[in-house]
Amino acid sequence: MHALVERMYPLRRSITGDGVRATLDVVGELLPLEVHEVPTGTQVLDWTVPREWNVREAWIADPSGRRVVDLADSSLHVLGYSVPVSARMPLSELRPHLHTLPDRPKWVPYRTSYYKPDWGFCLAQETLDALPDGEYEVRIDSTLADGHLTYGEHVVPGQVPDEVLVSSHVCHPALANDNLAGIAVAAFLARSLAGSTPYYTYRFLFAPGTIGAITWLARNAGGVERVKHGLVLACAGDRGSLTYKRSRRGDAEIDRVMRYVLETSGRPHETREFTPYGYDERQFCSPGFDLGVGSLSRTPYAGYPEYHTSADDLDFVTPEAMEDTLAVCREVFAVLDRNRRYVNLSPYGEPQLGRRGLYGALGGRSDAQEAQMAMLWVLSLSDGEHGLLDVAERAGLPFDTVVAAADALHGAGLVKA
């Protein structure tokens, strides 16, 4: 995963353009993607697909001709969606177009101007402080033209058409944690499902932030009810502990499963309530759609000094952190995928388990008593209203033990899904 982040890091991404396509090409080497191109001007809910932006070079040369800021050194150096510029001007005229972080003088900020025509450069405060007076040459070789918004999807077919949506945004340049780590975890999560036949259908969405999710929702509004559960992955690779942000509903099944997995895993973590600010969970949870989609990160957005700066680099994310995020996602989906509701087919009195070989099948197992209690609890709560997670939580039993008990009872014809 870290190697994947490293490959994507230098690509010049924005909400549209060839950098997004190049990023999807890299992901597409790991898993098959269906890539969608949505034309400029397409109405998507209350928004319109913008013009496509591409940048070839961008630099500032000081009075001696030395390039003091250069896109070739970092894709953060140009204001995202800058209009083309080719001019000479004094430093006093250039200064309003220069963006820095005075309290972090060595770091370069990430800034954009998607929907208001503008141009500019991002640089370290210490670089700005060292600029001499004089005339500067400014060059931004960019295009803003009719084109497309690009996003990719990977679908793992399940036993039922009901879907689990996993989303990560693909628009941020040169930011390893936000959100290349999320893309990497999502891609490897999808790979881990390859060759399996899960219960749910899993849809992995790789789209630009905000406008990409809105575009996907607009194009899928007629069938969005098939999305029963969802997770937005962002900031998935830093050294902080895990943070889960609940869906707008607050009690969606993904919220319950995530709480259960995090609490029983013993991992340090934090659970936060939904707010209509953050990543694309706010689009999926908007009241007209109200999908059960939460958000998983490590340190949340804007919660670490390196956020949206050049310090969110390849050293800021670790293989161990991404591995841990991936492991939690796999655990969550393993619970979600098996959290069935059953109906007891022998609900009048306790059925004779011994006659069906269910007690004898336990033999001398060390967990025989736990397995026996799991069967009794499954029988007791198999009323079509309670799922296996309800059983595990109420009985205080491991989820896998409850699933094994349900499988045994189902095999004996005592319960049905």
Protein backbone atom coordinates (compact mmCIF):
# COMPACT_ATOMS: atom_id res chain seq x y z
CA MET A 1 0.00 0.00 0.00
CA HIS A 2 2.79 2.41 0.81
CA ALA A 3 4.41 1.69 -2.56
CA LEU A 4 1.07 2.48 -4.22
CA VAL A 5 0.89 5.81 -2.37
CA GLU A 6 4.44 6.54 -3.52
CA ARG A 7 3.52 5.92 -7.17
CA MET A 8 0.47 8.19 -7.05
CA TYR A 9 2.10 10.96 -5.01
CA PRO A 10 3.70 13.01 -7.85
CA LEU A 11 0.66 12.92 -10.17
CA ARG A 12 -0.91 16.34 -10.74
CA ARG A 13 -4.44 15.72 -9.54
CA SER A 14 -7.41 18.05 -9.31
CA ILE A 15 -11.19 17.59 -9.50
CA THR A 16 -10.84 17.02 -13.26
CA GLY A 17 -8.08 16.38 -15.73
CA ASP A 18 -5.36 14.01 -16.76
CA GLY A 19 -4.01 13.65 -13.21
CA VAL A 20 -7.24 11.97 -12.15
CA ARG A 21 -7.07 9.67 -15.16
CA ALA A 22 -3.45 8.79 -14.43
CA THR A 23 -4.34 8.01 -10.82
CA LEU A 24 -7.18 5.73 -11.91
CA ASP A 25 -4.80 4.05 -14.36
CA VAL A 26 -2.51 3.16 -11.46
CA VAL A 27 -5.40 1.81 -9.39
CA GLY A 28 -6.60 -0.04 -12.48
CA GLU A 29 -3.39 -2.05 -12.51
CA LEU A 30 -4.52 -3.60 -9.20
CA LEU A 31 -8.17 -4.17 -9.97
CA PRO A 32 -10.47 -3.75 -12.96
CA LEU A 33 -12.11 -0.32 -13.04
CA GLU A 34 -15.03 0.98 -15.04
CA VAL A 35 -14.04 4.57 -15.79
CA HIS A 36 -16.77 7.13 -16.43
CA GLU A 37 -16.33 10.45 -18.26
CA VAL A 38 -19.06 13.04 -17.58
CA PRO A 39 -19.03 16.06 -19.95
CA THR A 40 -18.53 19.64 -18.84
CA GLY A 41 -21.86 21.41 -18.40
CA THR A 42 -23.76 18.30 -17.27
CA GLN A 43 -26.30 19.22 -14.60
CA VAL A 44 -25.69 17.08 -11.50
CA LEU A 45 -28.22 17.81 -8.76
CA ASP A 46 -27.73 21.51 -7.86
CA TRP A 47 -24.25 21.58 -9.44
CA THR A 48 -22.81 21.64 -12.93
CA VAL A 49 -19.78 19.64 -14.05
CA PRO A 50 -17.04 22.26 -14.41
CA ARG A 51 -14.56 22.79 -17.19
CA GLU A 52 -11.61 20.43 -17.20
CA TRP A 53 -8.31 21.77 -15.88
CA ASN A 54 -4.86 20.62 -16.87
CA VAL A 55 -1.51 22.23 -16.11
CA ARG A 56 1.76 21.54 -17.90
CA GLU A 57 4.13 23.92 -16.16
CA ALA A 58 4.01 26.72 -13.60
CA TRP A 59 6.90 28.72 -12.22
CA ILE A 60 8.15 32.02 -10.88
CA ALA A 61 11.59 33.34 -11.90
CA ASP A 62 13.27 36.01 -9.78
CA PRO A 63 15.08 39.09 -11.22
CA SER A 64 18.19 36.96 -11.89
CA GLY A 65 16.16 34.42 -13.87
CA ARG A 66 16.37 31.72 -11.19
CA ARG A 67 13.16 29.75 -10.71
CA VAL A 68 12.23 30.22 -7.07
CA VAL A 69 8.91 28.33 -7.27
CA ASP A 70 8.37 25.49 -9.74
CA LEU A 71 5.54 23.04 -10.26
CA ALA A 72 8.17 20.50 -11.32
CA ASP A 73 9.29 20.34 -7.68
CA SER A 74 5.79 19.79 -6.20
CA SER A 75 2.26 19.81 -7.59
CA LEU A 76 1.24 21.85 -4.53
CA HIS A 77 3.12 24.88 -5.85
CA VAL A 78 0.32 26.05 -8.15
CA LEU A 79 -3.11 27.19 -6.98
CA GLY A 80 -5.48 24.47 -8.14
CA TYR A 81 -7.51 25.51 -11.20
CA SER A 82 -5.28 28.53 -11.92
CA VAL A 83 -6.07 30.28 -15.19
CA PRO A 84 -3.14 30.64 -17.60
CA VAL A 85 -0.66 33.45 -16.93
CA SER A 86 2.41 34.69 -18.77
CA ALA A 87 3.61 38.01 -17.45
CA ARG A 88 6.33 40.09 -15.85
CA MET A 89 5.54 42.07 -12.72
CA PRO A 90 7.14 43.58 -9.63
CA LEU A 91 7.12 41.62 -6.39
CA SER A 92 4.54 44.00 -4.93
CA GLU A 93 2.08 43.04 -7.67
CA LEU A 94 2.92 39.34 -7.37
CA ARG A 95 2.52 39.10 -3.59
CA PRO A 96 -1.32 38.96 -3.48
CA HIS A 97 -1.11 35.78 -5.58
CA LEU A 98 1.30 34.01 -3.21
CA HIS A 99 -0.04 31.70 -0.51
CA THR A 100 2.01 30.66 2.52
CA LEU A 101 1.70 29.38 6.08
CA PRO A 102 3.37 32.02 8.28
CA ASP A 103 3.13 29.83 11.39
CA ARG A 104 4.74 26.89 9.53
CA PRO A 105 7.45 28.66 7.55
CA LYS A 106 8.98 25.54 5.95
CA TRP A 107 5.70 24.04 4.72
CA VAL A 108 3.83 24.67 1.45
CA PRO A 109 0.03 24.95 1.73
CA TYR A 110 -2.55 23.28 -0.54
CA ARG A 111 -4.95 25.83 -2.01
CA THR A 112 -7.54 25.76 -4.80
CA SER A 113 -9.92 28.07 -6.65
CA TYR A 114 -12.24 25.64 -8.41
CA TYR A 115 -15.25 27.85 -9.06
CA LYS A 116 -13.80 31.38 -9.15
CA PRO A 117 -11.30 32.26 -11.91
CA ASP A 118 -7.99 33.09 -10.27
CA TRP A 119 -4.32 32.25 -10.37
CA GLY A 120 -1.63 31.86 -7.80
CA PHE A 121 1.27 29.96 -6.29
CA CYS A 122 1.81 28.20 -2.97
CA LEU A 123 5.22 28.33 -1.37
CA ALA A 124 7.02 28.17 1.96
CA GLN A 125 7.00 31.36 4.02
CA GLU A 126 10.79 31.19 4.29
CA THR A 127 11.01 31.19 0.48
CA LEU A 128 8.78 34.25 0.30
CA ASP A 129 10.78 36.04 2.97
CA ALA A 130 13.97 35.53 0.94
CA LEU A 131 12.61 37.02 -2.30
CA PRO A 132 14.38 40.25 -3.31
CA ASP A 133 12.56 43.22 -4.74
CA GLY A 134 12.56 43.52 -8.49
CA GLU A 135 10.73 42.26 -11.55
CA TYR A 136 9.56 38.63 -11.66
CA GLU A 137 8.57 36.45 -14.56
CA VAL A 138 5.42 34.41 -13.95
CA ARG A 139 4.31 31.48 -16.08
CA ILE A 140 1.30 29.18 -15.67
CA ASP A 141 0.75 26.98 -18.72
CA SER A 142 -2.72 25.64 -17.98
CA THR A 143 -5.97 25.03 -19.82
CA LEU A 144 -9.54 25.43 -18.64
CA ALA A 145 -11.69 24.00 -21.39
CA ASP A 146 -14.74 21.87 -22.00
CA GLY A 147 -13.85 18.31 -21.16
CA HIS A 148 -14.95 15.79 -18.60
CA LEU A 149 -15.14 14.86 -14.93
CA THR A 150 -13.66 11.39 -14.47
CA TYR A 151 -14.36 8.75 -11.84
CA GLY A 152 -13.87 5.00 -11.53
CA GLU A 153 -15.84 2.10 -10.06
CA HIS A 154 -14.98 -1.47 -9.16
CA VAL A 155 -17.80 -3.87 -8.31
CA VAL A 156 -17.52 -7.19 -6.49
CA PRO A 157 -20.76 -9.08 -7.22
CA GLY A 158 -22.51 -10.57 -4.22
CA GLN A 159 -25.28 -13.05 -3.56
CA VAL A 160 -27.80 -10.20 -3.41
CA PRO A 161 -27.99 -6.91 -5.33
CA ASP A 162 -28.03 -4.87 -2.12
CA GLU A 163 -24.77 -2.92 -1.97
CA VAL A 164 -22.02 -1.79 0.35
CA LEU A 165 -20.47 1.42 -0.99
CA VAL A 166 -16.81 2.20 -0.26
CA SER A 167 -15.74 5.67 -1.38
CA SER A 168 -12.45 7.56 -1.46
CA HIS A 169 -11.64 10.85 -3.19
CA VAL A 170 -8.97 11.11 -5.88
CA CYS A 171 -8.51 14.85 -6.35
CA HIS A 172 -5.82 15.94 -3.87
CA PRO A 173 -2.28 16.37 -5.24
CA ALA A 174 0.87 15.52 -3.26
CA LEU A 175 -1.00 14.73 -0.04
CA ALA A 176 -0.09 11.23 1.10
CA ASN A 177 -2.56 10.84 3.95
CA ASP A 178 -5.33 12.96 2.46
CA ASN A 179 -6.20 11.01 0.48
CA LEU A 180 -3.75 8.66 -1.20
CA ALA A 181 -3.73 6.37 1.84
CA GLY A 182 -7.52 6.10 1.57
CA ILE A 183 -7.27 5.15 -2.10
CA ALA A 184 -4.64 2.52 -1.30
CA VAL A 185 -6.64 0.97 1.55
CA ALA A 186 -9.77 0.90 -0.61
CA ALA A 187 -7.90 -0.72 -3.50
CA PHE A 188 -6.40 -3.43 -1.32
CA LEU A 189 -9.72 -3.97 0.43
CA ALA A 190 -11.28 -4.58 -2.98
CA ARG A 191 -8.45 -6.97 -3.87
CA SER A 192 -9.05 -8.93 -0.67
CA LEU A 193 -12.59 -9.66 -1.88
CA ALA A 194 -11.42 -10.92 -5.29
CA GLY A 195 -12.45 -14.49 -5.97
CA SER A 196 -14.97 -14.52 -3.12
CA THR A 197 -18.74 -14.37 -3.31
CA PRO A 198 -19.79 -12.10 -0.45
CA TYR A 199 -23.40 -11.76 0.60
CA TYR A 200 -23.61 -8.09 -0.38
CA THR A 201 -22.43 -6.57 -3.63
CA TYR A 202 -19.46 -4.28 -2.91
CA ARG A 203 -19.06 -1.11 -4.97
CA PHE A 204 -15.77 0.80 -4.71
CA LEU A 205 -15.96 4.40 -5.89
CA PHE A 206 -12.86 6.45 -6.71
CA ALA A 207 -14.07 9.97 -7.48
CA PRO A 208 -13.09 13.62 -7.00
CA GLY A 209 -14.24 15.05 -3.68
CA THR A 210 -17.66 16.71 -3.45
CA ILE A 211 -18.38 17.20 -7.17
CA GLY A 212 -17.46 13.56 -7.90
CA ALA A 213 -19.78 12.15 -5.23
CA ILE A 214 -22.54 14.55 -6.30
CA THR A 215 -22.08 13.47 -9.92
CA TRP A 216 -22.24 9.79 -8.95
CA LEU A 217 -25.39 10.37 -6.90
CA ALA A 218 -27.04 12.30 -9.74
CA ARG A 219 -26.25 9.55 -12.25
CA ASN A 220 -27.42 6.78 -9.90
CA ALA A 221 -30.34 8.49 -8.18
CA GLY A 222 -32.83 6.01 -9.63
CA GLY A 223 -31.14 3.01 -8.00
CA VAL A 224 -29.42 4.51 -4.99
CA GLU A 225 -31.77 2.66 -2.66
CA ARG A 226 -29.71 -0.46 -3.37
CA VAL A 227 -26.92 1.04 -1.20
CA LYS A 228 -27.70 -0.41 2.22
CA HIS A 229 -24.38 0.38 3.92
CA GLY A 230 -21.39 2.53 3.13
CA LEU A 231 -18.02 3.80 4.28
CA VAL A 232 -15.92 6.79 3.22
CA LEU A 233 -12.18 6.20 3.64
CA ALA A 234 -9.93 9.20 4.20
CA CYS A 235 -6.75 10.06 6.10
CA ALA A 236 -6.13 6.35 6.49
CA GLY A 237 -2.37 6.20 6.94
CA ASP A 238 -1.12 8.49 9.70
CA ARG A 239 0.13 7.33 13.11
CA GLY A 240 -2.97 8.47 15.01
CA SER A 241 -5.59 6.12 16.42
CA LEU A 242 -8.71 5.30 14.44
CA THR A 243 -11.66 7.68 14.31
CA TYR A 244 -15.14 6.75 13.11
CA LYS A 245 -17.74 9.34 12.20
CA ARG A 246 -21.29 8.03 12.34
CA SER A 247 -23.78 8.36 9.52
CA ARG A 248 -26.40 11.09 9.65
CA ARG A 249 -28.87 8.49 10.93
CA GLY A 250 -26.58 7.70 13.83
CA ASP A 251 -27.96 4.19 14.21
CA ALA A 252 -27.35 2.73 10.75
CA GLU A 253 -26.10 -0.84 10.68
CA ILE A 254 -22.62 0.30 9.63
CA ASP A 255 -22.54 2.51 12.74
CA ARG A 256 -23.38 -0.43 15.00
CA VAL A 257 -20.95 -2.80 13.31
CA MET A 258 -18.12 -0.29 13.43
CA ARG A 259 -18.71 0.39 17.11
CA TYR A 260 -18.75 -3.34 17.88
CA VAL A 261 -15.57 -4.10 15.93
CA LEU A 262 -13.62 -1.18 17.37
CA GLU A 263 -14.72 -1.87 20.94
CA THR A 264 -14.10 -5.60 20.86
CA SER A 265 -10.76 -5.22 19.06
CA GLY A 266 -9.22 -3.35 21.97
CA ARG A 267 -7.79 -0.74 19.59
CA PRO A 268 -7.60 2.84 20.83
CA HIS A 269 -10.26 4.73 18.91
CA GLU A 270 -12.76 7.54 18.94
CA THR A 271 -16.33 7.64 17.67
CA ARG A 272 -17.78 10.98 16.61
CA GLU A 273 -21.29 12.10 15.81
CA PHE A 274 -22.23 13.12 12.29
CA THR A 275 -21.69 16.70 11.16
CA PRO A 276 -22.52 18.07 7.70
CA TYR A 277 -18.88 19.00 7.16
CA GLY A 278 -16.01 16.77 6.18
CA TYR A 279 -15.69 14.38 3.28
CA ASP A 280 -18.22 12.79 0.95
CA GLU A 281 -20.25 11.16 3.73
CA ARG A 282 -22.07 14.52 3.81
CA GLN A 283 -23.21 14.00 0.20
CA PHE A 284 -24.31 10.38 0.70
CA CYS A 285 -26.04 11.31 3.97
CA SER A 286 -27.80 14.41 2.59
CA PRO A 287 -31.47 14.22 3.61
CA GLY A 288 -32.81 13.41 0.16
CA PHE A 289 -30.64 10.27 0.00
CA ASP A 290 -30.05 9.62 3.72
CA LEU A 291 -27.80 6.63 3.07
CA GLY A 292 -26.28 4.69 5.94
CA VAL A 293 -22.73 5.85 5.19
CA GLY A 294 -20.12 6.58 7.85
CA SER A 295 -16.52 7.73 7.58
CA LEU A 296 -13.37 6.02 8.82
CA SER A 297 -10.05 7.80 9.25
CA ARG A 298 -7.16 7.84 11.61
CA THR A 299 -6.57 11.44 12.70
CA PRO A 300 -9.62 13.23 11.23
CA TYR A 301 -9.50 15.93 8.56
CA ALA A 302 -8.04 19.23 9.82
CA GLY A 303 -7.08 17.44 13.04
CA TYR A 304 -3.33 17.41 12.45
CA PRO A 305 -0.96 20.29 11.62
CA GLU A 306 0.26 18.60 8.43
CA TYR A 307 -3.28 18.58 6.95
CA HIS A 308 -3.37 20.20 3.49
CA THR A 309 0.33 21.00 3.53
CA SER A 310 3.53 19.65 2.03
CA ALA A 311 4.26 17.98 5.38
CA ASP A 312 1.57 15.40 4.52
CA ASP A 313 4.26 13.55 2.63
CA LEU A 314 5.42 9.97 2.14
CA ASP A 315 7.06 9.90 5.57
CA PHE A 316 3.86 11.03 7.27
CA VAL A 317 2.02 7.82 6.36
CA THR A 318 3.23 4.41 7.53
CA PRO A 319 2.72 0.88 6.20
CA GLU A 320 1.71 -0.22 9.71
CA ALA A 321 -1.05 2.38 9.99
CA MET A 322 -2.50 1.52 6.58
CA GLU A 323 -2.31 -2.18 7.42
CA ASP A 324 -4.25 -1.53 10.63
CA THR A 325 -6.90 0.52 8.79
CA LEU A 326 -7.26 -2.24 6.21
CA ALA A 327 -7.56 -4.89 8.93
CA VAL A 328 -10.39 -2.97 10.63
CA CYS A 329 -12.23 -2.57 7.32
CA ARG A 330 -11.97 -6.29 6.66
CA GLU A 331 -13.22 -7.09 10.17
CA VAL A 332 -16.13 -4.67 9.79
CA PHE A 333 -17.21 -6.09 6.46
CA ALA A 334 -16.84 -9.66 7.73
CA VAL A 335 -19.37 -8.83 10.45
CA LEU A 336 -21.63 -6.77 8.19
CA ASP A 337 -21.69 -9.45 5.51
CA ARG A 338 -22.78 -12.17 7.97
CA ASN A 339 -25.17 -10.19 10.12
CA ARG A 340 -28.32 -12.07 9.10
CA ARG A 341 -31.71 -12.14 10.70
CA TYR A 342 -33.10 -15.62 11.30
CA VAL A 343 -36.50 -17.05 12.14
CA ASN A 344 -36.80 -19.90 14.63
CA LEU A 345 -38.68 -22.76 12.93
CA SER A 346 -39.33 -24.48 16.26
CA PRO A 347 -40.31 -21.53 18.43
CA TYR A 348 -42.63 -23.34 20.89
CA GLY A 349 -40.35 -24.49 23.64
CA GLU A 350 -36.70 -25.31 23.28
CA PRO A 351 -35.98 -27.78 20.46
CA GLN A 352 -34.12 -30.96 21.38
CA LEU A 353 -30.61 -30.20 20.18
CA GLY A 354 -29.10 -33.50 21.30
CA ARG A 355 -31.46 -35.49 19.10
CA ARG A 356 -30.14 -33.53 16.13
CA GLY A 357 -26.53 -34.18 17.08
CA LEU A 358 -25.85 -30.55 17.90
CA TYR A 359 -24.66 -31.18 21.44
CA GLY A 360 -22.64 -34.22 20.45
CA ALA A 361 -21.02 -32.29 17.64
CA LEU A 362 -19.42 -30.04 20.23
CA GLY A 363 -17.38 -32.93 21.66
CA GLY A 364 -14.71 -31.92 24.15
CA ARG A 365 -14.07 -28.49 22.69
CA SER A 366 -12.81 -25.95 25.19
CA ASP A 367 -15.47 -23.53 24.00
CA ALA A 368 -18.27 -26.09 24.11
CA GLN A 369 -20.22 -24.22 26.76
CA GLU A 370 -19.85 -20.93 24.87
CA ALA A 371 -20.98 -22.60 21.64
CA GLN A 372 -23.96 -24.17 23.41
CA MET A 373 -24.99 -20.82 24.86
CA ALA A 374 -24.65 -19.25 21.42
CA MET A 375 -27.11 -21.78 19.99
CA LEU A 376 -29.60 -21.06 22.75
CA TRP A 377 -29.25 -17.33 22.26
CA VAL A 378 -29.67 -17.60 18.48
CA LEU A 379 -32.82 -19.66 18.97
CA SER A 380 -34.14 -17.18 21.50
CA LEU A 381 -33.59 -14.10 19.33
CA SER A 382 -34.38 -15.58 15.92
CA ASP A 383 -37.67 -13.74 15.57
CA GLY A 384 -36.98 -11.99 12.28
CA GLU A 385 -36.31 -8.74 14.13
CA HIS A 386 -32.87 -9.37 15.62
CA GLY A 387 -29.65 -9.95 13.69
CA LEU A 388 -26.65 -11.98 14.76
CA LEU A 389 -24.90 -8.81 15.92
CA ASP A 390 -27.82 -8.27 18.33
CA VAL A 391 -27.23 -11.79 19.61
CA ALA A 392 -23.49 -11.26 20.06
CA GLU A 393 -23.97 -7.96 21.88
CA ARG A 394 -26.79 -9.12 24.15
CA ALA A 395 -25.16 -12.46 24.98
CA GLY A 396 -21.67 -11.03 25.32
CA LEU A 397 -20.36 -13.68 22.94
CA PRO A 398 -17.85 -13.42 20.07
CA PHE A 399 -19.55 -12.72 16.76
CA ASP A 400 -17.79 -15.65 15.05
CA THR A 401 -19.13 -18.01 17.71
CA VAL A 402 -22.66 -16.74 17.14
CA VAL A 403 -22.28 -17.16 13.37
CA ALA A 404 -21.06 -20.75 13.83
CA ALA A 405 -24.07 -21.48 16.05
CA ALA A 406 -26.47 -20.02 13.49
CA ASP A 407 -24.84 -22.08 10.72
CA ALA A 408 -25.25 -25.25 12.79
CA LEU A 409 -28.90 -24.49 13.55
CA HIS A 410 -29.58 -23.64 9.94
CA GLY A 411 -27.99 -26.89 8.82
CA ALA A 412 -30.25 -28.78 11.23
CA GLY A 413 -33.35 -27.06 9.85
CA LEU A 414 -34.12 -25.21 13.07
CA VAL A 415 -33.78 -21.66 11.71
CA LYS A 416 -34.12 -19.98 8.34
CA ALA A 417 -32.73 -16.67 7.10
